[in-house]
Each structure stands twice: as structure tokens, then as C-alpha cells.
Amino acid sequence: MADAIRLYEKAVHYELDRSLEKPESDAKWAYIEASRAFQKREQRRELEEQQRKNARLKRTVAFVSVLLAVALA
């Protein structure tokens, strides 16, 4: 998704530079900025979700290790 946003930015960059006085250039930049913000939020959400999964996996491994140690003792 981020690559698509970057490609869109490159595609419209020349047009925006050429037409800074046009009102639609402001709308396009606003769209690009909103897309960037959305992408950052999504990446942050995915990272937090992955961190939660990793923490749960670590707890599970620790619990199973304790059970195994108790079973072998």
C-alpha cells in the first residue's frame, strides 16, 4: 500500500508543481497527507498486534517449559 501511495505521489508531483495556484492541487496534497497518515496508523496497529502475539507466544513457551521441568523433576 505504501508503494502505491509513493507511486501516486510521483505521478502527481509534476502536475502539482505545475499547478500550485489551482485549488485541486491542495485537495490532492491533502489526500496524499491523509493517505500517509492512514498508512502510518495501519503500520503502527500491525506492529502493536504483532508485539502482542509475540508476548503471548513467549508466555506460552515459558509456561510449557515450566510444565516440562515439573514433569521431568
PDB file of N, CA and C in Angstrom:
ATOM      1  N   MET A   1       0.823  -1.193   0.000  1.00  0.00           N
ATOM      2  CA  MET A   1       0.000   0.000   0.000  1.00  0.00           C
ATOM      3  C   MET A   1       0.866   1.257   0.000  1.00  0.00           C
ATOM      4  N   ALA A   2       1.930   1.238   0.805  1.00  0.00           N
ATOM      5  CA  ALA A   2       2.810   2.400   0.864  1.00  0.00           C
ATOM      6  C   ALA A   2       3.453   2.650  -0.493  1.00  0.00           C
ATOM      7  N   ASP A   3       3.793   1.573  -1.197  1.00  0.00           N
ATOM      8  CA  ASP A   3       4.382   1.726  -2.523  1.00  0.00           C
ATOM      9  C   ASP A   3       3.389   2.373  -3.481  1.00  0.00           C
ATOM     10  N   ALA A   4       2.136   2.005  -3.362  1.00  0.00           N
ATOM     11  CA  ALA A   4       1.113   2.594  -4.224  1.00  0.00           C
ATOM     12  C   ALA A   4       0.983   4.086  -3.946  1.00  0.00           C
ATOM     13  N   ILE A   5       1.071   4.449  -2.682  1.00  0.00           N
ATOM     14  CA  ILE A   5       0.982   5.866  -2.321  1.00  0.00           C
ATOM     15  C   ILE A   5       2.170   6.620  -2.905  1.00  0.00           C
ATOM     16  N   ARG A   6       3.361   6.037  -2.786  1.00  0.00           N
ATOM     17  CA  ARG A   6       4.555   6.697  -3.330  1.00  0.00           C
ATOM     18  C   ARG A   6       4.463   6.843  -4.845  1.00  0.00           C
ATOM     19  N   LEU A   7       3.963   5.812  -5.512  1.00  0.00           N
ATOM     20  CA  LEU A   7       3.800   5.895  -6.963  1.00  0.00           C
ATOM     21  C   LEU A   7       2.813   6.992  -7.328  1.00  0.00           C
ATOM     22  N   TYR A   8       1.728   7.096  -6.566  1.00  0.00           N
ATOM     23  CA  TYR A   8       0.742   8.142  -6.826  1.00  0.00           C
ATOM     24  C   TYR A   8       1.376   9.511  -6.620  1.00  0.00           C
ATOM     25  N   GLU A   9       2.160   9.650  -5.540  1.00  0.00           N
ATOM     26  CA  GLU A   9       2.818  10.924  -5.273  1.00  0.00           C
ATOM     27  C   GLU A   9       3.726  11.317  -6.433  1.00  0.00           C
ATOM     28  N   LYS A  10       4.505  10.360  -6.940  1.00  0.00           N
ATOM     29  CA  LYS A  10       5.400  10.659  -8.055  1.00  0.00           C
ATOM     30  C   LYS A  10       4.607  11.048  -9.293  1.00  0.00           C
ATOM     31  N   ALA A  11       3.498  10.373  -9.501  1.00  0.00           N
ATOM     32  CA  ALA A  11       2.690  10.636 -10.691  1.00  0.00           C
ATOM     33  C   ALA A  11       2.088  12.031 -10.668  1.00  0.00           C
ATOM     34  N   VAL A  12       1.696  12.499  -9.502  1.00  0.00           N
ATOM     35  CA  VAL A  12       1.041  13.806  -9.441  1.00  0.00           C
ATOM     36  C   VAL A  12       1.991  14.932  -9.066  1.00  0.00           C
ATOM     37  N   HIS A  13       3.220  14.602  -8.684  1.00  0.00           N
ATOM     38  CA  HIS A  13       4.151  15.633  -8.228  1.00  0.00           C
ATOM     39  C   HIS A  13       4.369  16.709  -9.291  1.00  0.00           C
ATOM     40  N   TYR A  14       4.662  16.295 -10.504  1.00  0.00           N
ATOM     41  CA  TYR A  14       4.898  17.252 -11.587  1.00  0.00           C
ATOM     42  C   TYR A  14       3.670  18.124 -11.806  1.00  0.00           C
ATOM     43  N   GLU A  15       2.521  17.492 -11.828  1.00  0.00           N
ATOM     44  CA  GLU A  15       1.280  18.243 -12.041  1.00  0.00           C
ATOM     45  C   GLU A  15       1.052  19.240 -10.916  1.00  0.00           C
ATOM     46  N   LEU A  16       1.328  18.832  -9.693  1.00  0.00           N
ATOM     47  CA  LEU A  16       1.124  19.732  -8.560  1.00  0.00           C
ATOM     48  C   LEU A  16       2.100  20.903  -8.601  1.00  0.00           C
ATOM     49  N   ASP A  17       3.334  20.635  -8.958  1.00  0.00           N
ATOM     50  CA  ASP A  17       4.306  21.719  -9.084  1.00  0.00           C
ATOM     51  C   ASP A  17       3.881  22.704 -10.169  1.00  0.00           C
ATOM     52  N   ARG A  18       3.313  22.186 -11.220  1.00  0.00           N
ATOM     53  CA  ARG A  18       2.896  22.998 -12.362  1.00  0.00           C
ATOM     54  C   ARG A  18       1.655  23.824 -12.049  1.00  0.00           C
ATOM     55  N   SER A  19       0.838  23.336 -11.139  1.00  0.00           N
ATOM     56  CA  SER A  19      -0.466  23.976 -10.926  1.00  0.00           C
ATOM     57  C   SER A  19      -0.707  24.318  -9.461  1.00  0.00           C
ATOM     58  N   LEU A  20       0.263  24.950  -8.835  1.00  0.00           N
ATOM     59  CA  LEU A  20       0.124  25.257  -7.409  1.00  0.00           C
ATOM     60  C   LEU A  20      -1.020  26.226  -7.118  1.00  0.00           C
ATOM     61  N   GLU A  21      -1.362  27.059  -8.092  1.00  0.00           N
ATOM     62  CA  GLU A  21      -2.451  28.005  -7.857  1.00  0.00           C
ATOM     63  C   GLU A  21      -3.834  27.368  -7.983  1.00  0.00           C
ATOM     64  N   LYS A  22      -3.891  26.197  -8.575  1.00  0.00           N
ATOM     65  CA  LYS A  22      -5.187  25.546  -8.762  1.00  0.00           C
ATOM     66  C   LYS A  22      -5.675  24.961  -7.440  1.00  0.00           C
ATOM     67  N   PRO A  23      -6.964  25.099  -7.151  1.00  0.00           N
ATOM     68  CA  PRO A  23      -7.488  24.584  -5.881  1.00  0.00           C
ATOM     69  C   PRO A  23      -7.414  23.065  -5.767  1.00  0.00           C
ATOM     70  N   GLU A  24      -7.454  22.352  -6.887  1.00  0.00           N
ATOM     71  CA  GLU A  24      -7.415  20.890  -6.793  1.00  0.00           C
ATOM     72  C   GLU A  24      -6.049  20.375  -6.342  1.00  0.00           C
ATOM     73  N   SER A  25      -4.991  21.165  -6.532  1.00  0.00           N
ATOM     74  CA  SER A  25      -3.677  20.711  -6.062  1.00  0.00           C
ATOM     75  C   SER A  25      -3.665  20.615  -4.539  1.00  0.00           C
ATOM     76  N   ASP A  26      -4.339  21.539  -3.868  1.00  0.00           N
ATOM     77  CA  ASP A  26      -4.442  21.458  -2.404  1.00  0.00           C
ATOM     78  C   ASP A  26      -5.196  20.205  -1.984  1.00  0.00           C
ATOM     79  N   ALA A  27      -6.239  19.889  -2.713  1.00  0.00           N
ATOM     80  CA  ALA A  27      -7.022  18.690  -2.393  1.00  0.00           C
ATOM     81  C   ALA A  27      -6.190  17.432  -2.613  1.00  0.00           C
ATOM     82  N   LYS A  28      -5.387  17.425  -3.664  1.00  0.00           N
ATOM     83  CA  LYS A  28      -4.543  16.255  -3.925  1.00  0.00           C
ATOM     84  C   LYS A  28      -3.484  16.100  -2.844  1.00  0.00           C
ATOM     85  N   TRP A  29      -2.863  17.204  -2.434  1.00  0.00           N
ATOM     86  CA  TRP A  29      -1.872  17.120  -1.355  1.00  0.00           C
ATOM     87  C   TRP A  29      -2.537  16.679  -0.059  1.00  0.00           C
ATOM     88  N   ALA A  30      -3.737  17.156   0.192  1.00  0.00           N
ATOM     89  CA  ALA A  30      -4.463  16.733   1.393  1.00  0.00           C
ATOM     90  C   ALA A  30      -4.728  15.229   1.342  1.00  0.00           C
ATOM     91  N   TYR A  31      -5.084  14.728   0.168  1.00  0.00           N
ATOM     92  CA  TYR A  31      -5.306  13.289   0.005  1.00  0.00           C
ATOM     93  C   TYR A  31      -4.019  12.511   0.274  1.00  0.00           C
ATOM     94  N   ILE A  32      -2.917  12.996  -0.274  1.00  0.00           N
ATOM     95  CA  ILE A  32      -1.633  12.322  -0.074  1.00  0.00           C
ATOM     96  C   ILE A  32      -1.269  12.309   1.405  1.00  0.00           C
ATOM     97  N   GLU A  33      -1.428  13.437   2.073  1.00  0.00           N
ATOM     98  CA  GLU A  33      -1.105  13.503   3.503  1.00  0.00           C
ATOM     99  C   GLU A  33      -2.024  12.600   4.315  1.00  0.00           C
ATOM    100  N   ALA A  34      -3.292  12.561   3.966  1.00  0.00           N
ATOM    101  CA  ALA A  34      -4.228  11.678   4.668  1.00  0.00           C
ATOM    102  C   ALA A  34      -3.863  10.215   4.427  1.00  0.00           C
ATOM    103  N   SER A  35      -3.448   9.900   3.210  1.00  0.00           N
ATOM    104  CA  SER A  35      -3.038   8.530   2.896  1.00  0.00           C
ATOM    105  C   SER A  35      -1.801   8.133   3.685  1.00  0.00           C
ATOM    106  N   ARG A  36      -0.861   9.048   3.787  1.00  0.00           N
ATOM    107  CA  ARG A  36       0.347   8.776   4.578  1.00  0.00           C
ATOM    108  C   ARG A  36      -0.008   8.536   6.040  1.00  0.00           C
ATOM    109  N   ALA A  37      -0.856   9.388   6.581  1.00  0.00           N
ATOM    110  CA  ALA A  37      -1.251   9.243   7.986  1.00  0.00           C
ATOM    111  C   ALA A  37      -1.967   7.915   8.204  1.00  0.00           C
ATOM    112  N   PHE A  38      -2.858   7.555   7.291  1.00  0.00           N
ATOM    113  CA  PHE A  38      -3.570   6.283   7.402  1.00  0.00           C
ATOM    114  C   PHE A  38      -2.595   5.118   7.354  1.00  0.00           C
ATOM    115  N   GLN A  39      -1.640   5.185   6.422  1.00  0.00           N
ATOM    116  CA  GLN A  39      -0.658   4.108   6.288  1.00  0.00           C
ATOM    117  C   GLN A  39       0.170   3.974   7.557  1.00  0.00           C
ATOM    118  N   LYS A  40       0.572   5.090   8.148  1.00  0.00           N
ATOM    119  CA  LYS A  40       1.344   5.045   9.394  1.00  0.00           C
ATOM    120  C   LYS A  40       0.520   4.440  10.522  1.00  0.00           C
ATOM    121  N   ARG A  41      -0.754   4.812  10.603  1.00  0.00           N
ATOM    122  CA  ARG A  41      -1.628   4.237  11.644  1.00  0.00           C
ATOM    123  C   ARG A  41      -1.767   2.735  11.454  1.00  0.00           C
ATOM    124  N   GLU A  42      -1.945   2.301  10.209  1.00  0.00           N
ATOM    125  CA  GLU A  42      -2.076   0.869   9.928  1.00  0.00           C
ATOM    126  C   GLU A  42      -0.798   0.117  10.284  1.00  0.00           C
ATOM    127  N   GLN A  43       0.342   0.679   9.938  1.00  0.00           N
ATOM    128  CA  GLN A  43       1.614   0.036  10.269  1.00  0.00           C
ATOM    129  C   GLN A  43       1.793  -0.048  11.781  1.00  0.00           C
ATOM    130  N   ARG A  44       1.438   1.027  12.486  1.00  0.00           N
ATOM    131  CA  ARG A  44       1.544   1.036  13.945  1.00  0.00           C
ATOM    132  C   ARG A  44       0.614  -0.005  14.556  1.00  0.00           C
ATOM    133  N   ARG A  45      -0.608  -0.105  14.027  1.00  0.00           N
ATOM    134  CA  ARG A  45      -1.565  -1.085  14.531  1.00  0.00           C
ATOM    135  C   ARG A  45      -1.055  -2.507  14.306  1.00  0.00           C
ATOM    136  N   GLU A  46      -0.526  -2.769  13.110  1.00  0.00           N
ATOM    137  CA  GLU A  46       0.003  -4.098  12.799  1.00  0.00           C
ATOM    138  C   GLU A  46       1.203  -4.433  13.681  1.00  0.00           C
ATOM    139  N   LEU A  47       2.060  -3.446  13.922  1.00  0.00           N
ATOM    140  CA  LEU A  47       3.218  -3.667  14.786  1.00  0.00           C
ATOM    141  C   LEU A  47       2.781  -3.991  16.211  1.00  0.00           C
ATOM    142  N   GLU A  48       1.819  -3.233  16.726  1.00  0.00           N
ATOM    143  CA  GLU A  48       1.320  -3.492  18.076  1.00  0.00           C
ATOM    144  C   GLU A  48       0.677  -4.873  18.174  1.00  0.00           C
ATOM    145  N   GLU A  49      -0.065  -5.254  17.151  1.00  0.00           N
ATOM    146  CA  GLU A  49      -0.691  -6.577  17.135  1.00  0.00           C
ATOM    147  C   GLU A  49       0.372  -7.675  17.126  1.00  0.00           C
ATOM    148  N   GLN A  50       1.413  -7.491  16.329  1.00  0.00           N
ATOM    149  CA  GLN A  50       2.488  -8.478  16.272  1.00  0.00           C
ATOM    150  C   GLN A  50       3.226  -8.550  17.604  1.00  0.00           C
ATOM    151  N   GLN A  51       3.415  -7.418  18.255  1.00  0.00           N
ATOM    152  CA  GLN A  51       4.076  -7.411  19.563  1.00  0.00           C
ATOM    153  C   GLN A  51       3.235  -8.152  20.600  1.00  0.00           C
ATOM    154  N   ARG A  52       1.918  -7.974  20.546  1.00  0.00           N
ATOM    155  CA  ARG A  52       1.031  -8.708  21.469  1.00  0.00           C
ATOM    156  C   ARG A  52       1.122 -10.211  21.214  1.00  0.00           C
ATOM    157  N   LYS A  53       1.123 -10.600  19.946  1.00  0.00           N
ATOM    158  CA  LYS A  53       1.231 -12.026  19.607  1.00  0.00           C
ATOM    159  C   LYS A  53       2.562 -12.596  20.085  1.00  0.00           C
ATOM    160  N   ASN A  54       3.637 -11.842  19.892  1.00  0.00           N
ATOM    161  CA  ASN A  54       4.952 -12.305  20.339  1.00  0.00           C
ATOM    162  C   ASN A  54       4.993 -12.461  21.852  1.00  0.00           C
ATOM    163  N   ALA A  55       4.411 -11.512  22.576  1.00  0.00           N
ATOM    164  CA  ALA A  55       4.392 -11.592  24.035  1.00  0.00           C
ATOM    165  C   ALA A  55       3.594 -12.813  24.488  1.00  0.00           C
ATOM    166  N   ARG A  56       2.472 -13.069  23.836  1.00  0.00           N
ATOM    167  CA  ARG A  56       1.658 -14.234  24.194  1.00  0.00           C
ATOM    168  C   ARG A  56       2.428 -15.528  23.919  1.00  0.00           C
ATOM    169  N   LEU A  57       3.120 -15.585  22.798  1.00  0.00           N
ATOM    170  CA  LEU A  57       3.913 -16.764  22.461  1.00  0.00           C
ATOM    171  C   LEU A  57       5.017 -16.987  23.493  1.00  0.00           C
ATOM    172  N   LYS A  58       5.677 -15.919  23.907  1.00  0.00           N
ATOM    173  CA  LYS A  58       6.729 -16.042  24.923  1.00  0.00           C
ATOM    174  C   LYS A  58       6.163 -16.575  26.233  1.00  0.00           C
ATOM    175  N   ARG A  59       4.991 -16.061  26.629  1.00  0.00           N
ATOM    176  CA  ARG A  59       4.357 -16.554  27.865  1.00  0.00           C
ATOM    177  C   ARG A  59       3.998 -18.028  27.737  1.00  0.00           C
ATOM    178  N   THR A  60       3.489 -18.419  26.575  1.00  0.00           N
ATOM    179  CA  THR A  60       3.119 -19.818  26.352  1.00  0.00           C
ATOM    180  C   THR A  60       4.348 -20.717  26.411  1.00  0.00           C
ATOM    181  N   VAL A  61       5.422 -20.300  25.771  1.00  0.00           N
ATOM    182  CA  VAL A  61       6.656 -21.091  25.790  1.00  0.00           C
ATOM    183  C   VAL A  61       7.188 -21.198  27.214  1.00  0.00           C
ATOM    184  N   ALA A  62       7.149 -20.107  27.962  1.00  0.00           N
ATOM    185  CA  ALA A  62       7.621 -20.140  29.349  1.00  0.00           C
ATOM    186  C   ALA A  62       6.764 -21.085  30.183  1.00  0.00           C
ATOM    187  N   PHE A  63       5.450 -21.031  30.010  1.00  0.00           N
ATOM    188  CA  PHE A  63       4.538 -21.892  30.761  1.00  0.00           C
ATOM    189  C   PHE A  63       4.789 -23.365  30.436  1.00  0.00           C
ATOM    190  N   VAL A  64       4.923 -23.682  29.154  1.00  0.00           N
ATOM    191  CA  VAL A  64       5.174 -25.063  28.739  1.00  0.00           C
ATOM    192  C   VAL A  64       6.535 -25.529  29.258  1.00  0.00           C
ATOM    193  N   SER A  65       7.518 -24.649  29.257  1.00  0.00           N
ATOM    194  CA  SER A  65       8.842 -25.002  29.783  1.00  0.00           C
ATOM    195  C   SER A  65       8.767 -25.332  31.267  1.00  0.00           C
ATOM    196  N   VAL A  66       7.984 -24.547  32.014  1.00  0.00           N
ATOM    197  CA  VAL A  66       7.810 -24.816  33.449  1.00  0.00           C
ATOM    198  C   VAL A  66       7.109 -26.153  33.636  1.00  0.00           C
ATOM    199  N   LEU A  67       6.064 -26.407  32.873  1.00  0.00           N
ATOM    200  CA  LEU A  67       5.360 -27.689  32.979  1.00  0.00           C
ATOM    201  C   LEU A  67       6.291 -28.853  32.646  1.00  0.00           C
ATOM    202  N   LEU A  68       7.104 -28.693  31.630  1.00  0.00           N
ATOM    203  CA  LEU A  68       8.051 -29.738  31.250  1.00  0.00           C
ATOM    204  C   LEU A  68       9.087 -29.963  32.355  1.00  0.00           C
ATOM    205  N   ALA A  69       9.571 -28.889  32.942  1.00  0.00           N
ATOM    206  CA  ALA A  69      10.547 -29.012  34.029  1.00  0.00           C
ATOM    207  C   ALA A  69       9.928 -29.716  35.231  1.00  0.00           C
ATOM    208  N   VAL A  70       8.673 -29.383  35.541  1.00  0.00           N
ATOM    209  CA  VAL A  70       7.981 -30.028  36.667  1.00  0.00           C
ATOM    210  C   VAL A  70       7.741 -31.500  36.353  1.00  0.00           C
ATOM    211  N   ALA A  71       7.363 -31.796  35.120  1.00  0.00           N
ATOM    212  CA  ALA A  71       7.078 -33.179  34.741  1.00  0.00           C
ATOM    213  C   ALA A  71       8.343 -34.038  34.782  1.00  0.00           C
ATOM    214  N   LEU A  72       9.471 -33.459  34.447  1.00  0.00           N
ATOM    215  CA  LEU A  72      10.725 -34.208  34.435  1.00  0.00           C
ATOM    216  C   LEU A  72      11.382 -34.276  35.814  1.00  0.00           C
ATOM    217  N   ALA A  73      10.948 -33.446  36.738  1.00  0.00           N
ATOM    218  CA  ALA A  73      11.568 -33.421  38.076  1.00  0.00           C
ATOM    219  C   ALA A  73      11.099 -34.568  38.938  1.00  0.00           C
TER     220      ALA A  73
END
